[in-house]
């Protein structure tokens, strides 16, 4: 386990230990931070699309001459 994974596990364990209202308050505060909100949305999108087949970033197109 990496240091980052261990740190994440400590925070997640602490979050799970909180009563529901306190846990919701912490998550709401995280979601209120613009940068963190964007990160959460990105991670949710990645998780949702994880099993989709990949496709090239750019499509090759014929060059017109």
PDB file of N, CA and C in Angstrom:
ATOM      1  N   UNK A   1       0.859  -1.175   0.000  1.00  0.00           N
ATOM      2  CA  UNK A   1       0.000   0.000   0.000  1.00  0.00           C
ATOM      3  C   UNK A   1       0.907   1.240   0.000  1.00  0.00           C
ATOM      4  N   UNK A   2       0.585   2.177  -0.883  1.00  0.00           N
ATOM      5  CA  UNK A   2       1.380   3.397  -0.954  1.00  0.00           C
ATOM      6  C   UNK A   2       1.007   4.345   0.181  1.00  0.00           C
ATOM      7  N   UNK A   3       1.825   5.354   0.358  1.00  0.00           N
ATOM      8  CA  UNK A   3       1.544   6.362   1.391  1.00  0.00           C
ATOM      9  C   UNK A   3       0.213   7.052   1.100  1.00  0.00           C
ATOM     10  N   UNK A   4      -0.032   7.368  -0.156  1.00  0.00           N
ATOM     11  CA  UNK A   4      -1.290   8.026  -0.528  1.00  0.00           C
ATOM     12  C   UNK A   4      -2.490   7.138  -0.241  1.00  0.00           C
ATOM     13  N   UNK A   5      -2.364   5.847  -0.563  1.00  0.00           N
ATOM     14  CA  UNK A   5      -3.457   4.911  -0.289  1.00  0.00           C
ATOM     15  C   UNK A   5      -3.689   4.752   1.210  1.00  0.00           C
ATOM     16  N   UNK A   6      -2.618   4.718   1.980  1.00  0.00           N
ATOM     17  CA  UNK A   6      -2.748   4.587   3.438  1.00  0.00           C
ATOM     18  C   UNK A   6      -3.408   5.821   4.029  1.00  0.00           C
ATOM     19  N   UNK A   7      -3.023   6.992   3.555  1.00  0.00           N
ATOM     20  CA  UNK A   7      -3.639   8.230   4.035  1.00  0.00           C
ATOM     21  C   UNK A   7      -5.119   8.260   3.688  1.00  0.00           C
ATOM     22  N   UNK A   8      -5.443   7.878   2.458  1.00  0.00           N
ATOM     23  CA  UNK A   8      -6.846   7.839   2.036  1.00  0.00           C
ATOM     24  C   UNK A   8      -7.645   6.879   2.914  1.00  0.00           C
ATOM     25  N   UNK A   9      -7.055   5.745   3.240  1.00  0.00           N
ATOM     26  CA  UNK A   9      -7.741   4.755   4.079  1.00  0.00           C
ATOM     27  C   UNK A   9      -8.015   5.309   5.476  1.00  0.00           C
ATOM     28  N   UNK A  10      -7.058   6.039   6.041  1.00  0.00           N
ATOM     29  CA  UNK A  10      -7.245   6.642   7.368  1.00  0.00           C
ATOM     30  C   UNK A  10      -8.408   7.630   7.336  1.00  0.00           C
ATOM     31  N   UNK A  11      -8.425   8.501   6.330  1.00  0.00           N
ATOM     32  CA  UNK A  11      -9.504   9.486   6.233  1.00  0.00           C
ATOM     33  C   UNK A  11     -10.850   8.813   5.993  1.00  0.00           C
ATOM     34  N   UNK A  12     -10.878   7.796   5.149  1.00  0.00           N
ATOM     35  CA  UNK A  12     -12.138   7.106   4.872  1.00  0.00           C
ATOM     36  C   UNK A  12     -12.661   6.389   6.111  1.00  0.00           C
ATOM     37  N   UNK A  13     -11.759   5.791   6.856  1.00  0.00           N
ATOM     38  CA  UNK A  13     -12.153   5.119   8.092  1.00  0.00           C
ATOM     39  C   UNK A  13     -12.753   6.124   9.077  1.00  0.00           C
ATOM     40  N   UNK A  14     -12.106   7.286   9.202  1.00  0.00           N
ATOM     41  CA  UNK A  14     -12.615   8.327  10.102  1.00  0.00           C
ATOM     42  C   UNK A  14     -13.972   8.833   9.629  1.00  0.00           C
ATOM     43  N   UNK A  15     -14.120   9.006   8.327  1.00  0.00           N
ATOM     44  CA  UNK A  15     -15.400   9.483   7.773  1.00  0.00           C
ATOM     45  C   UNK A  15     -16.517   8.474   8.038  1.00  0.00           C
ATOM     46  N   UNK A  16     -16.208   7.201   7.848  1.00  0.00           N
ATOM     47  CA  UNK A  16     -17.215   6.151   8.095  1.00  0.00           C
ATOM     48  C   UNK A  16     -17.631   6.098   9.568  1.00  0.00           C
ATOM     49  N   UNK A  17     -16.722   6.463  10.458  1.00  0.00           N
ATOM     50  CA  UNK A  17     -16.994   6.386  11.893  1.00  0.00           C
ATOM     51  C   UNK A  17     -17.900   7.518  12.381  1.00  0.00           C
ATOM     52  N   UNK A  18     -18.038   8.560  11.593  1.00  0.00           N
ATOM     53  CA  UNK A  18     -18.869   9.690  12.010  1.00  0.00           C
ATOM     54  C   UNK A  18     -20.352   9.343  11.958  1.00  0.00           C
ATOM     55  N   UNK A  19     -21.140   9.952  12.816  1.00  0.00           N
ATOM     56  CA  UNK A  19     -22.598   9.817  12.693  1.00  0.00           C
ATOM     57  C   UNK A  19     -23.039  10.413  11.339  1.00  0.00           C
ATOM     58  N   UNK A  20     -24.168   9.961  10.847  1.00  0.00           N
ATOM     59  CA  UNK A  20     -24.624  10.341   9.510  1.00  0.00           C
ATOM     60  C   UNK A  20     -24.664  11.856   9.300  1.00  0.00           C
ATOM     61  N   UNK A  21     -25.201  12.620  10.230  1.00  0.00           N
ATOM     62  CA  UNK A  21     -25.292  14.073  10.060  1.00  0.00           C
ATOM     63  C   UNK A  21     -23.921  14.718   9.943  1.00  0.00           C
ATOM     64  N   UNK A  22     -22.984  14.269  10.753  1.00  0.00           N
ATOM     65  CA  UNK A  22     -21.635  14.822  10.683  1.00  0.00           C
ATOM     66  C   UNK A  22     -20.947  14.423   9.373  1.00  0.00           C
ATOM     67  N   UNK A  23     -21.145  13.174   8.961  1.00  0.00           N
ATOM     68  CA  UNK A  23     -20.573  12.706   7.694  1.00  0.00           C
ATOM     69  C   UNK A  23     -21.117  13.529   6.528  1.00  0.00           C
ATOM     70  N   UNK A  24     -22.422  13.776   6.536  1.00  0.00           N
ATOM     71  CA  UNK A  24     -23.032  14.588   5.484  1.00  0.00           C
ATOM     72  C   UNK A  24     -22.486  16.008   5.491  1.00  0.00           C
ATOM     73  N   UNK A  25     -22.243  16.553   6.684  1.00  0.00           N
ATOM     74  CA  UNK A  25     -21.696  17.910   6.784  1.00  0.00           C
ATOM     75  C   UNK A  25     -20.291  17.971   6.193  1.00  0.00           C
ATOM     76  N   UNK A  26     -19.479  16.968   6.467  1.00  0.00           N
ATOM     77  CA  UNK A  26     -18.117  16.935   5.920  1.00  0.00           C
ATOM     78  C   UNK A  26     -18.179  16.824   4.396  1.00  0.00           C
ATOM     79  N   UNK A  27     -19.004  15.931   3.897  1.00  0.00           N
ATOM     80  CA  UNK A  27     -19.107  15.752   2.441  1.00  0.00           C
ATOM     81  C   UNK A  27     -19.659  17.006   1.766  1.00  0.00           C
ATOM     82  N   UNK A  28     -20.590  17.678   2.415  1.00  0.00           N
ATOM     83  CA  UNK A  28     -21.130  18.925   1.853  1.00  0.00           C
ATOM     84  C   UNK A  28     -20.047  19.992   1.789  1.00  0.00           C
ATOM     85  N   UNK A  29     -19.211  20.076   2.811  1.00  0.00           N
ATOM     86  CA  UNK A  29     -18.110  21.044   2.803  1.00  0.00           C
ATOM     87  C   UNK A  29     -17.111  20.739   1.700  1.00  0.00           C
ATOM     88  N   UNK A  30     -16.825  19.464   1.490  1.00  0.00           N
ATOM     89  CA  UNK A  30     -15.915  19.075   0.412  1.00  0.00           C
ATOM     90  C   UNK A  30     -16.527  19.466  -0.931  1.00  0.00           C
ATOM     91  N   UNK A  31     -17.809  19.201  -1.101  1.00  0.00           N
ATOM     92  CA  UNK A  31     -18.487  19.517  -2.361  1.00  0.00           C
ATOM     93  C   UNK A  31     -18.593  21.021  -2.590  1.00  0.00           C
ATOM     94  N   UNK A  32     -18.536  21.814  -1.530  1.00  0.00           N
ATOM     95  CA  UNK A  32     -18.606  23.275  -1.665  1.00  0.00           C
ATOM     96  C   UNK A  32     -17.297  23.889  -2.155  1.00  0.00           C
ATOM     97  N   UNK A  33     -16.213  23.142  -2.061  1.00  0.00           N
ATOM     98  CA  UNK A  33     -14.915  23.628  -2.539  1.00  0.00           C
ATOM     99  C   UNK A  33     -14.864  23.434  -4.058  1.00  0.00           C
ATOM    100  N   UNK A  34     -14.770  24.517  -4.833  1.00  0.00           N
ATOM    101  CA  UNK A  34     -14.825  24.391  -6.299  1.00  0.00           C
ATOM    102  C   UNK A  34     -13.847  23.371  -6.888  1.00  0.00           C
ATOM    103  N   UNK A  35     -12.603  23.386  -6.491  1.00  0.00           N
ATOM    104  CA  UNK A  35     -11.630  22.443  -7.035  1.00  0.00           C
ATOM    105  C   UNK A  35     -11.942  21.007  -6.654  1.00  0.00           C
ATOM    106  N   UNK A  36     -12.352  20.808  -5.411  1.00  0.00           N
ATOM    107  CA  UNK A  36     -12.672  19.457  -4.951  1.00  0.00           C
ATOM    108  C   UNK A  36     -13.942  18.944  -5.607  1.00  0.00           C
ATOM    109  N   UNK A  37     -14.922  19.827  -5.798  1.00  0.00           N
ATOM    110  CA  UNK A  37     -16.159  19.436  -6.469  1.00  0.00           C
ATOM    111  C   UNK A  37     -15.848  18.939  -7.877  1.00  0.00           C
ATOM    112  N   UNK A  38     -14.998  19.675  -8.584  1.00  0.00           N
ATOM    113  CA  UNK A  38     -14.628  19.278  -9.942  1.00  0.00           C
ATOM    114  C   UNK A  38     -13.903  17.929  -9.935  1.00  0.00           C
ATOM    115  N   UNK A  39     -13.018  17.740  -8.967  1.00  0.00           N
ATOM    116  CA  UNK A  39     -12.314  16.453  -8.851  1.00  0.00           C
ATOM    117  C   UNK A  39     -13.299  15.316  -8.591  1.00  0.00           C
ATOM    118  N   UNK A  40     -14.264  15.536  -7.713  1.00  0.00           N
ATOM    119  CA  UNK A  40     -15.261  14.502  -7.412  1.00  0.00           C
ATOM    120  C   UNK A  40     -16.094  14.156  -8.637  1.00  0.00           C
ATOM    121  N   UNK A  41     -16.492  15.178  -9.389  1.00  0.00           N
ATOM    122  CA  UNK A  41     -17.266  14.924 -10.606  1.00  0.00           C
ATOM    123  C   UNK A  41     -16.441  14.149 -11.633  1.00  0.00           C
ATOM    124  N   UNK A  42     -15.171  14.504 -11.769  1.00  0.00           N
ATOM    125  CA  UNK A  42     -14.288  13.775 -12.680  1.00  0.00           C
ATOM    126  C   UNK A  42     -14.158  12.314 -12.263  1.00  0.00           C
ATOM    127  N   UNK A  43     -13.950  12.073 -10.970  1.00  0.00           N
ATOM    128  CA  UNK A  43     -13.804  10.703 -10.475  1.00  0.00           C
ATOM    129  C   UNK A  43     -15.087   9.894 -10.651  1.00  0.00           C
ATOM    130  N   UNK A  44     -16.231  10.541 -10.446  1.00  0.00           N
ATOM    131  CA  UNK A  44     -17.513   9.852 -10.636  1.00  0.00           C
ATOM    132  C   UNK A  44     -17.696   9.466 -12.102  1.00  0.00           C
ATOM    133  N   UNK A  45     -17.324  10.356 -13.003  1.00  0.00           N
ATOM    134  CA  UNK A  45     -17.445  10.072 -14.431  1.00  0.00           C
ATOM    135  C   UNK A  45     -16.513   8.919 -14.827  1.00  0.00           C
ATOM    136  N   UNK A  46     -15.293   8.946 -14.322  1.00  0.00           N
ATOM    137  CA  UNK A  46     -14.346   7.867 -14.615  1.00  0.00           C
ATOM    138  C   UNK A  46     -14.890   6.531 -14.112  1.00  0.00           C
ATOM    139  N   UNK A  47     -15.418   6.522 -12.896  1.00  0.00           N
ATOM    140  CA  UNK A  47     -15.957   5.285 -12.324  1.00  0.00           C
ATOM    141  C   UNK A  47     -17.137   4.768 -13.143  1.00  0.00           C
ATOM    142  N   UNK A  48     -17.987   5.673 -13.584  1.00  0.00           N
ATOM    143  CA  UNK A  48     -19.172   5.273 -14.349  1.00  0.00           C
ATOM    144  C   UNK A  48     -18.788   4.721 -15.716  1.00  0.00           C
ATOM    145  N   UNK A  49     -17.740   5.252 -16.322  1.00  0.00           N
ATOM    146  CA  UNK A  49     -17.379   4.865 -17.680  1.00  0.00           C
ATOM    147  C   UNK A  49     -16.221   3.875 -17.745  1.00  0.00           C
ATOM    148  N   UNK A  50     -15.792   3.390 -16.595  1.00  0.00           N
ATOM    149  CA  UNK A  50     -14.622   2.518 -16.510  1.00  0.00           C
ATOM    150  C   UNK A  50     -14.708   1.295 -17.421  1.00  0.00           C
ATOM    151  N   UNK A  51     -15.865   0.731 -17.607  1.00  0.00           N
ATOM    152  CA  UNK A  51     -16.000  -0.514 -18.372  1.00  0.00           C
ATOM    153  C   UNK A  51     -16.405  -0.291 -19.827  1.00  0.00           C
ATOM    154  N   UNK A  52     -16.465   0.949 -20.254  1.00  0.00           N
ATOM    155  CA  UNK A  52     -16.749   1.216 -21.662  1.00  0.00           C
ATOM    156  C   UNK A  52     -15.528   0.880 -22.501  1.00  0.00           C
ATOM    157  N   UNK A  53     -15.784   0.495 -23.737  1.00  0.00           N
ATOM    158  CA  UNK A  53     -14.642   0.228 -24.606  1.00  0.00           C
ATOM    159  C   UNK A  53     -13.946   1.545 -24.940  1.00  0.00           C
ATOM    160  N   UNK A  54     -12.656   1.439 -25.171  1.00  0.00           N
ATOM    161  CA  UNK A  54     -11.896   2.654 -25.453  1.00  0.00           C
ATOM    162  C   UNK A  54     -12.053   3.048 -26.918  1.00  0.00           C
ATOM    163  N   UNK A  55     -11.753   4.282 -27.192  1.00  0.00           N
ATOM    164  CA  UNK A  55     -11.767   4.770 -28.563  1.00  0.00           C
ATOM    165  C   UNK A  55     -10.657   5.808 -28.690  1.00  0.00           C
ATOM    166  N   UNK A  56     -10.152   5.986 -29.886  1.00  0.00           N
ATOM    167  CA  UNK A  56      -9.047   6.922 -30.043  1.00  0.00           C
ATOM    168  C   UNK A  56      -9.443   8.347 -29.667  1.00  0.00           C
ATOM    169  N   UNK A  57      -8.476   9.083 -29.143  1.00  0.00           N
ATOM    170  CA  UNK A  57      -8.723  10.464 -28.777  1.00  0.00           C
ATOM    171  C   UNK A  57      -9.037  11.298 -30.013  1.00  0.00           C
ATOM    172  N   UNK A  58      -8.271  11.065 -31.066  1.00  0.00           N
ATOM    173  CA  UNK A  58      -8.503  11.776 -32.332  1.00  0.00           C
ATOM    174  C   UNK A  58      -8.811  10.759 -33.412  1.00  0.00           C
ATOM    175  N   UNK A  59      -9.760  11.095 -34.222  1.00  0.00           N
ATOM    176  CA  UNK A  59     -10.040  10.236 -35.367  1.00  0.00           C
ATOM    177  C   UNK A  59      -9.121  10.635 -36.509  1.00  0.00           C
ATOM    178  N   UNK A  60      -8.593   9.658 -37.171  1.00  0.00           N
ATOM    179  CA  UNK A  60      -7.755   9.960 -38.332  1.00  0.00           C
ATOM    180  C   UNK A  60      -8.663  10.324 -39.489  1.00  0.00           C
ATOM    181  N   UNK A  61      -8.363  11.406 -40.117  1.00  0.00           N
ATOM    182  CA  UNK A  61      -9.146  11.834 -41.273  1.00  0.00           C
ATOM    183  C   UNK A  61      -8.210  11.965 -42.465  1.00  0.00           C
ATOM    184  N   UNK A  62      -8.755  11.724 -43.604  1.00  0.00           N
ATOM    185  CA  UNK A  62      -7.965  11.849 -44.825  1.00  0.00           C
ATOM    186  C   UNK A  62      -7.663  13.334 -45.075  1.00  0.00           C
ATOM    187  N   UNK A  63      -6.466  13.590 -45.437  1.00  0.00           N
ATOM    188  CA  UNK A  63      -6.062  14.964 -45.719  1.00  0.00           C
ATOM    189  C   UNK A  63      -6.457  15.283 -47.156  1.00  0.00           C
ATOM    190  N   UNK A  64      -7.222  16.330 -47.315  1.00  0.00           N
ATOM    191  CA  UNK A  64      -7.640  16.741 -48.649  1.00  0.00           C
ATOM    192  C   UNK A  64      -6.514  17.519 -49.320  1.00  0.00           C
ATOM    193  N   UNK A  65      -6.192  17.159 -50.519  1.00  0.00           N
ATOM    194  CA  UNK A  65      -5.144  17.897 -51.243  1.00  0.00           C
ATOM    195  C   UNK A  65      -5.682  18.536 -52.488  1.00  0.00           C
TER     196      UNK A  65
END
